[in-house]
Amino acid sequence: MTASYAIEPWDPGYGLAYSTDAEAASTAELDLDLELPASLWQPIDPDRYGPVPRTLLFLDGVRRIDARVWVRGLARPVPGIAASLAAGLVRCSHSRPAEIAAVVVERDLITAAPDATDLVTRAATYTVRRARDGSLDELSLTLQQCLARAEASLASSAGGSGDDLLVVDGPLRGRTHLARAVGYIKTHHTTYLPDPQAAVVSTLKPGQRSPAFTMGTSWRRHSWYLQLDRVDGVPWAGVVRLECSADLEPAQVTELANLTARVLPPLASTPHKDPRAPQNLVPIGGLERQLRHRLGDQQFLYRALRAAARYRDEGNIG
């Protein structure tokens, strides 16, 4: 038999949207009966004429390491990173076109060195953020925590009405306190569902979703899968996973899940405009481009950091 082929629209430069590693069994604790009994799982078609949010808000952030840094002054130099991050919020409503509602840019010097102080350059000031140790993993984790805090602060200050929907690009961990918020996960590197329920996800048609379920790993949340668009022959192409706070009641989870199924598929991107189509929603893709621009020129910042480090090294501190 001659093999057949299917080409995924997702650009391989961004990794894999669906990895064969995802087929390994997950150790997550699951409650599959949250919305429907596990034995009765089937694709769910939300009411197309149901209520929609007055305003859709999309929250995202980007980060970049501008330079590796060594903090000298103790018996042994301590490593760190000089990093830039930007968080932004896009507002979409029926009465006006999508607009960037707010953006915050932050420059951080992340290190475990106890005597480190803010690093002032001609381009920007890098504020000291303490990491627990000097390993690259811990420095990167601290940077991610800084970004999560900036995103949460931005979302909290945005206000909005009680029927808005906030879509956070990425897991909702650390931001479950945000009102009417869902996390939006574009890639699948772990499968959380047993085979019978995973098979239901594989049969979803555009606009359909799976029943909601509860999952617990290092934290608990409710979750469901949504099919944006299909690419025949490509496993779970166009499927995204959404999650919300585990503190919500089942009826509230169903309401959020149905809202996402009504409003998100029309916002799916297309391959000729976005290398991560269809999972990267149009408002999120536009916001990411703007945020990367706001980070500034990395080489300019790098030269400014080197100049500031030489200045301090010569004893001109202050």
Protein backbone atom coordinates (compact mmCIF):
# COMPACT_ATOMS: atom_id res chain seq x y z
CA MET A 1 0.00 0.00 0.00
CA THR A 2 1.35 3.44 -0.95
CA ALA A 3 1.64 5.87 1.92
CA SER A 4 -0.47 9.03 1.95
CA TYR A 5 0.55 12.35 3.41
CA ALA A 6 -0.93 15.37 5.14
CA ILE A 7 0.86 18.67 5.68
CA GLU A 8 0.26 20.59 8.88
CA PRO A 9 -0.10 24.38 8.51
CA TRP A 10 1.73 25.01 11.80
CA ASP A 11 5.26 26.31 11.07
CA PRO A 12 7.80 23.73 12.38
CA GLY A 13 10.03 26.61 13.46
CA TYR A 14 7.67 26.98 16.44
CA GLY A 15 8.07 23.35 17.46
CA LEU A 16 5.23 20.87 17.19
CA ALA A 17 1.60 21.75 17.76
CA TYR A 18 0.97 18.07 18.50
CA SER A 19 3.83 15.84 19.60
CA THR A 20 3.85 12.06 19.49
CA ASP A 21 5.21 12.34 23.02
CA ALA A 22 1.69 13.45 23.93
CA GLU A 23 0.59 9.87 23.48
CA ALA A 24 2.36 8.90 26.70
CA ALA A 25 0.03 8.46 29.65
CA SER A 26 -0.36 11.50 31.88
CA THR A 27 -0.21 11.29 35.65
CA ALA A 28 -2.82 14.05 36.06
CA GLU A 29 -5.76 13.33 38.32
CA LEU A 30 -8.96 13.53 36.26
CA ASP A 31 -12.65 13.92 36.94
CA LEU A 32 -14.21 13.24 33.55
CA ASP A 33 -17.79 13.41 34.83
CA LEU A 34 -17.90 17.16 35.46
CA GLU A 35 -20.31 17.95 32.59
CA LEU A 36 -21.24 14.55 31.18
CA PRO A 37 -20.59 11.02 32.47
CA ALA A 38 -17.34 9.77 30.95
CA SER A 39 -19.18 6.91 29.23
CA LEU A 40 -21.48 9.39 27.45
CA TRP A 41 -18.86 11.79 26.12
CA GLN A 42 -19.65 13.18 22.68
CA PRO A 43 -18.94 16.37 20.71
CA ILE A 44 -20.94 19.34 21.97
CA ASP A 45 -22.49 21.92 19.64
CA PRO A 46 -23.10 25.15 21.56
CA ASP A 47 -26.23 27.15 20.81
CA ARG A 48 -25.15 29.48 18.01
CA TYR A 49 -27.78 32.00 19.07
CA GLY A 50 -26.81 32.03 22.72
CA PRO A 51 -25.43 35.10 24.51
CA VAL A 52 -21.99 36.43 23.64
CA PRO A 53 -19.72 38.66 25.73
CA ARG A 54 -20.10 42.41 25.35
CA THR A 55 -16.32 42.64 25.13
CA LEU A 56 -13.61 40.10 24.39
CA LEU A 57 -10.24 40.77 26.03
CA PHE A 58 -7.05 38.99 24.95
CA LEU A 59 -4.05 39.01 27.29
CA ASP A 60 -0.57 38.01 26.16
CA GLY A 61 3.05 38.68 26.92
CA VAL A 62 6.48 38.20 25.37
CA ARG A 63 9.93 38.02 26.93
CA ARG A 64 13.50 38.15 25.69
CA ILE A 65 16.94 37.73 27.23
CA ASP A 66 18.98 40.72 26.17
CA ALA A 67 22.29 39.54 27.69
CA ARG A 68 23.85 37.11 30.12
CA VAL A 69 25.31 38.95 33.10
CA TRP A 70 27.92 38.15 35.75
CA VAL A 71 27.49 40.03 39.02
CA ARG A 72 30.91 40.53 40.60
CA GLY A 73 31.61 41.79 44.08
CA LEU A 74 31.46 38.66 46.20
CA ALA A 75 34.08 35.93 46.49
CA ARG A 76 32.76 34.34 43.32
CA PRO A 77 30.87 35.90 40.37
CA VAL A 78 27.13 35.14 40.33
CA PRO A 79 25.33 34.65 37.01
CA GLY A 80 22.24 36.52 35.95
CA ILE A 81 20.28 37.66 32.92
CA ALA A 82 19.25 41.08 31.68
CA ALA A 83 15.82 40.63 30.15
CA SER A 84 13.01 42.61 28.57
CA LEU A 85 9.34 41.71 28.80
CA ALA A 86 6.13 43.23 27.51
CA ALA A 87 2.51 42.45 28.35
CA GLY A 88 -0.50 43.69 26.45
CA LEU A 89 -4.27 43.61 26.32
CA VAL A 90 -6.44 43.68 23.19
CA ARG A 91 -10.10 44.69 23.39
CA CYS A 92 -12.65 43.47 20.82
CA SER A 93 -16.32 44.40 20.74
CA HIS A 94 -19.20 44.42 18.26
CA SER A 95 -19.41 48.19 18.13
CA ARG A 96 -15.77 48.99 17.31
CA PRO A 97 -12.70 47.35 15.74
CA ALA A 98 -10.12 45.50 17.82
CA GLU A 99 -7.72 47.83 19.63
CA ILE A 100 -4.75 47.50 21.94
CA ALA A 101 -6.09 48.68 25.28
CA ALA A 102 -2.86 48.69 27.27
CA VAL A 103 0.81 47.70 27.08
CA VAL A 104 3.46 47.55 29.79
CA VAL A 105 7.20 47.10 29.14
CA GLU A 106 9.64 46.05 31.86
CA ARG A 107 13.42 45.57 31.96
CA ASP A 108 14.74 43.20 34.63
CA LEU A 109 18.13 42.13 35.95
CA ILE A 110 17.48 38.66 37.33
CA THR A 111 20.11 37.17 39.62
CA ALA A 112 20.59 35.46 42.96
CA ALA A 113 23.43 37.84 43.90
CA PRO A 114 22.45 39.48 47.22
CA ASP A 115 24.40 42.67 46.58
CA ALA A 116 23.16 43.31 43.02
CA THR A 117 21.64 46.73 42.35
CA ASP A 118 19.66 48.13 39.45
CA LEU A 119 21.72 48.35 36.27
CA VAL A 120 21.29 51.77 34.65
CA THR A 121 22.19 52.04 30.98
CA ARG A 122 21.79 54.84 28.45
CA ALA A 123 18.91 52.88 26.90
CA ALA A 124 16.99 51.59 29.93
CA THR A 125 17.20 50.72 33.60
CA TYR A 126 17.17 47.01 34.47
CA THR A 127 15.51 46.51 37.87
CA VAL A 128 16.90 43.77 40.11
CA ARG A 129 14.62 40.73 40.58
CA ARG A 130 15.90 38.04 42.92
CA ALA A 131 16.09 34.42 41.81
CA ARG A 132 16.51 31.54 44.24
CA ASP A 133 19.75 30.40 42.59
CA GLY A 134 21.90 31.09 39.57
CA SER A 135 20.89 28.16 37.36
CA LEU A 136 19.55 29.08 33.94
CA ASP A 137 16.32 27.19 34.68
CA GLU A 138 15.73 29.23 37.84
CA LEU A 139 16.61 32.50 36.11
CA SER A 140 14.18 31.68 33.29
CA LEU A 141 11.49 30.69 35.80
CA THR A 142 11.87 33.99 37.63
CA LEU A 143 11.59 35.84 34.33
CA GLN A 144 8.39 33.94 33.53
CA GLN A 145 7.01 34.81 36.97
CA CYS A 146 7.78 38.48 36.34
CA LEU A 147 5.88 38.29 33.07
CA ALA A 148 2.92 36.55 34.72
CA ARG A 149 2.74 39.27 37.38
CA ALA A 150 2.83 42.00 34.73
CA GLU A 151 0.04 40.29 32.79
CA ALA A 152 -2.12 39.81 35.88
CA SER A 153 -1.63 43.42 36.95
CA LEU A 154 -2.57 44.62 33.48
CA ALA A 155 -5.72 42.51 33.41
CA SER A 156 -6.77 43.57 36.90
CA SER A 157 -6.41 47.26 36.04
CA ALA A 158 -8.38 46.93 32.80
CA GLY A 159 -11.77 46.90 34.51
CA GLY A 160 -14.67 45.80 32.31
CA SER A 161 -18.22 44.65 32.82
CA GLY A 162 -19.49 41.41 34.31
CA ASP A 163 -20.19 39.83 30.93
CA ASP A 164 -16.72 40.36 29.43
CA LEU A 165 -14.58 37.34 28.58
CA LEU A 166 -10.81 37.42 29.17
CA VAL A 167 -8.70 35.01 27.09
CA VAL A 168 -5.20 34.52 28.49
CA ASP A 169 -2.71 33.17 25.97
CA GLY A 170 -1.19 30.18 27.75
CA PRO A 171 -2.01 28.31 30.97
CA LEU A 172 -4.10 30.12 33.58
CA ARG A 173 -1.86 29.13 36.48
CA GLY A 174 -1.29 32.04 38.85
CA ARG A 175 -4.10 34.01 37.20
CA THR A 176 -7.17 32.00 38.19
CA HIS A 177 -8.32 34.93 40.36
CA LEU A 178 -9.04 37.00 37.24
CA ALA A 179 -12.78 37.34 36.60
CA ARG A 180 -14.31 35.38 33.69
CA ALA A 181 -10.87 34.32 32.49
CA VAL A 182 -9.89 31.27 30.44
CA GLY A 183 -6.43 30.02 29.60
CA TYR A 184 -5.79 29.29 25.92
CA ILE A 185 -3.29 26.49 25.17
CA LYS A 186 -2.28 26.10 21.51
CA THR A 187 0.01 23.05 21.64
CA HIS A 188 -0.35 19.51 22.92
CA HIS A 189 2.74 17.85 24.38
CA THR A 190 0.82 15.71 26.87
CA THR A 191 -2.47 13.94 26.49
CA TYR A 192 -4.56 14.11 29.61
CA LEU A 193 -7.49 12.01 28.46
CA PRO A 194 -7.93 8.23 28.35
CA ASP A 195 -8.31 6.73 24.87
CA PRO A 196 -12.15 6.73 24.72
CA GLN A 197 -12.39 10.43 25.55
CA ALA A 198 -9.36 11.35 23.41
CA ALA A 199 -11.13 9.67 20.51
CA VAL A 200 -14.04 12.08 21.00
CA VAL A 201 -11.66 15.03 20.63
CA SER A 202 -10.38 13.53 17.37
CA THR A 203 -13.92 13.60 15.92
CA LEU A 204 -14.67 17.24 16.73
CA LYS A 205 -15.85 19.39 13.85
CA PRO A 206 -15.11 23.14 13.58
CA GLY A 207 -16.89 24.96 16.39
CA GLN A 208 -17.50 21.84 18.44
CA ARG A 209 -16.00 21.23 21.85
CA SER A 210 -15.47 18.35 24.21
CA PRO A 211 -17.31 18.06 27.52
CA ALA A 212 -15.57 19.88 30.36
CA PHE A 213 -13.55 17.91 32.89
CA THR A 214 -11.41 18.60 35.96
CA MET A 215 -7.69 17.96 35.97
CA GLY A 216 -5.08 18.16 38.69
CA THR A 217 -1.33 18.18 38.21
CA SER A 218 0.63 20.58 40.39
CA TRP A 219 -2.57 22.66 40.41
CA ARG A 220 -6.27 22.05 39.74
CA ARG A 221 -8.42 23.54 37.00
CA HIS A 222 -11.38 22.75 34.78
CA SER A 223 -10.64 22.22 31.10
CA TRP A 224 -12.12 21.36 27.68
CA TYR A 225 -10.97 21.00 24.07
CA LEU A 226 -12.24 23.12 21.18
CA GLN A 227 -11.90 22.55 17.44
CA LEU A 228 -11.18 25.77 15.56
CA ASP A 229 -10.64 24.40 12.06
CA ARG A 230 -9.67 21.05 10.62
CA VAL A 231 -6.76 19.77 8.53
CA ASP A 232 -7.59 16.24 7.45
CA GLY A 233 -4.97 13.66 8.30
CA VAL A 234 -3.10 15.80 10.84
CA PRO A 235 -3.65 14.70 14.47
CA TRP A 236 -5.56 17.30 16.46
CA ALA A 237 -4.81 20.06 13.96
CA GLY A 238 -6.78 23.15 14.89
CA VAL A 239 -7.60 21.79 18.35
CA VAL A 240 -6.90 23.98 21.37
CA ARG A 241 -7.36 23.33 25.06
CA LEU A 242 -8.99 25.86 27.35
CA GLU A 243 -9.01 25.99 31.12
CA CYS A 244 -10.66 27.96 33.91
CA SER A 245 -10.54 28.18 37.67
CA ALA A 246 -11.35 25.04 39.65
CA ASP A 247 -13.37 27.25 42.02
CA LEU A 248 -16.14 27.67 39.44
CA GLU A 249 -19.36 25.65 39.66
CA PRO A 250 -20.16 23.17 36.83
CA ALA A 251 -22.85 25.47 35.41
CA GLN A 252 -20.37 28.35 35.25
CA VAL A 253 -17.81 26.12 33.52
CA THR A 254 -20.40 25.08 30.93
CA GLU A 255 -21.28 28.73 30.31
CA LEU A 256 -17.61 29.64 29.75
CA ALA A 257 -17.01 26.61 27.53
CA ASN A 258 -20.00 27.47 25.35
CA LEU A 259 -18.92 31.10 25.10
CA THR A 260 -15.48 30.08 23.83
CA ALA A 261 -17.04 27.75 21.25
CA ARG A 262 -19.22 30.57 19.97
CA VAL A 263 -16.69 33.39 19.75
CA LEU A 264 -13.21 31.90 19.22
CA PRO A 265 -13.46 29.79 16.00
CA PRO A 266 -14.26 32.85 13.82
CA LEU A 267 -11.03 34.44 15.11
CA ALA A 268 -8.79 31.57 13.98
CA SER A 269 -5.84 32.65 11.85
CA THR A 270 -5.04 31.48 8.32
CA PRO A 271 -1.77 29.89 7.12
CA HIS A 272 -0.90 32.64 4.63
CA LYS A 273 -1.05 35.25 7.41
CA ASP A 274 0.21 33.40 10.49
CA PRO A 275 2.77 30.55 10.72
CA ARG A 276 0.90 29.13 13.73
CA ALA A 277 -2.50 28.96 12.05
CA PRO A 278 -5.18 28.20 12.90
CA GLN A 279 -4.43 27.98 16.64
CA ASN A 280 -2.89 31.44 16.98
CA LEU A 281 -5.96 33.67 17.10
CA VAL A 282 -5.88 36.84 14.98
CA PRO A 283 -6.03 39.28 17.94
CA ILE A 284 -3.26 37.40 19.76
CA GLY A 285 -1.03 37.29 16.67
CA GLY A 286 -1.42 41.04 16.15
CA LEU A 287 -0.71 41.74 19.80
CA GLU A 288 2.43 39.58 19.78
CA ARG A 289 3.84 41.51 16.84
CA GLN A 290 3.21 44.82 18.59
CA LEU A 291 4.74 43.59 21.85
CA ARG A 292 7.92 42.36 20.16
CA HIS A 293 8.26 45.77 18.55
CA ARG A 294 7.86 47.42 21.97
CA LEU A 295 10.75 45.34 23.35
CA GLY A 296 13.12 47.49 21.32
CA ASP A 297 16.24 46.63 19.37
CA GLN A 298 18.14 43.85 21.14
CA GLN A 299 21.55 44.79 19.75
CA PHE A 300 21.14 48.40 20.84
CA LEU A 301 20.20 47.27 24.35
CA TYR A 302 23.09 44.78 24.40
CA ARG A 303 25.61 47.51 23.52
CA ALA A 304 24.12 49.75 26.20
CA LEU A 305 24.43 46.96 28.77
CA ARG A 306 28.09 46.36 27.88
CA ALA A 307 28.85 50.05 28.13
CA ALA A 308 27.14 50.31 31.53
CA ALA A 309 29.00 47.24 32.80
CA ARG A 310 32.37 48.70 31.74
CA TYR A 311 31.49 51.98 33.41
CA ARG A 312 30.70 50.25 36.71
CA ASP A 313 33.74 48.00 36.39
CA GLU A 314 35.94 51.11 36.25
CA GLY A 315 34.55 52.19 39.62
CA ASN A 316 32.04 54.77 38.41
CA ILE A 317 29.08 53.41 40.36
CA GLY A 318 25.98 55.51 40.82
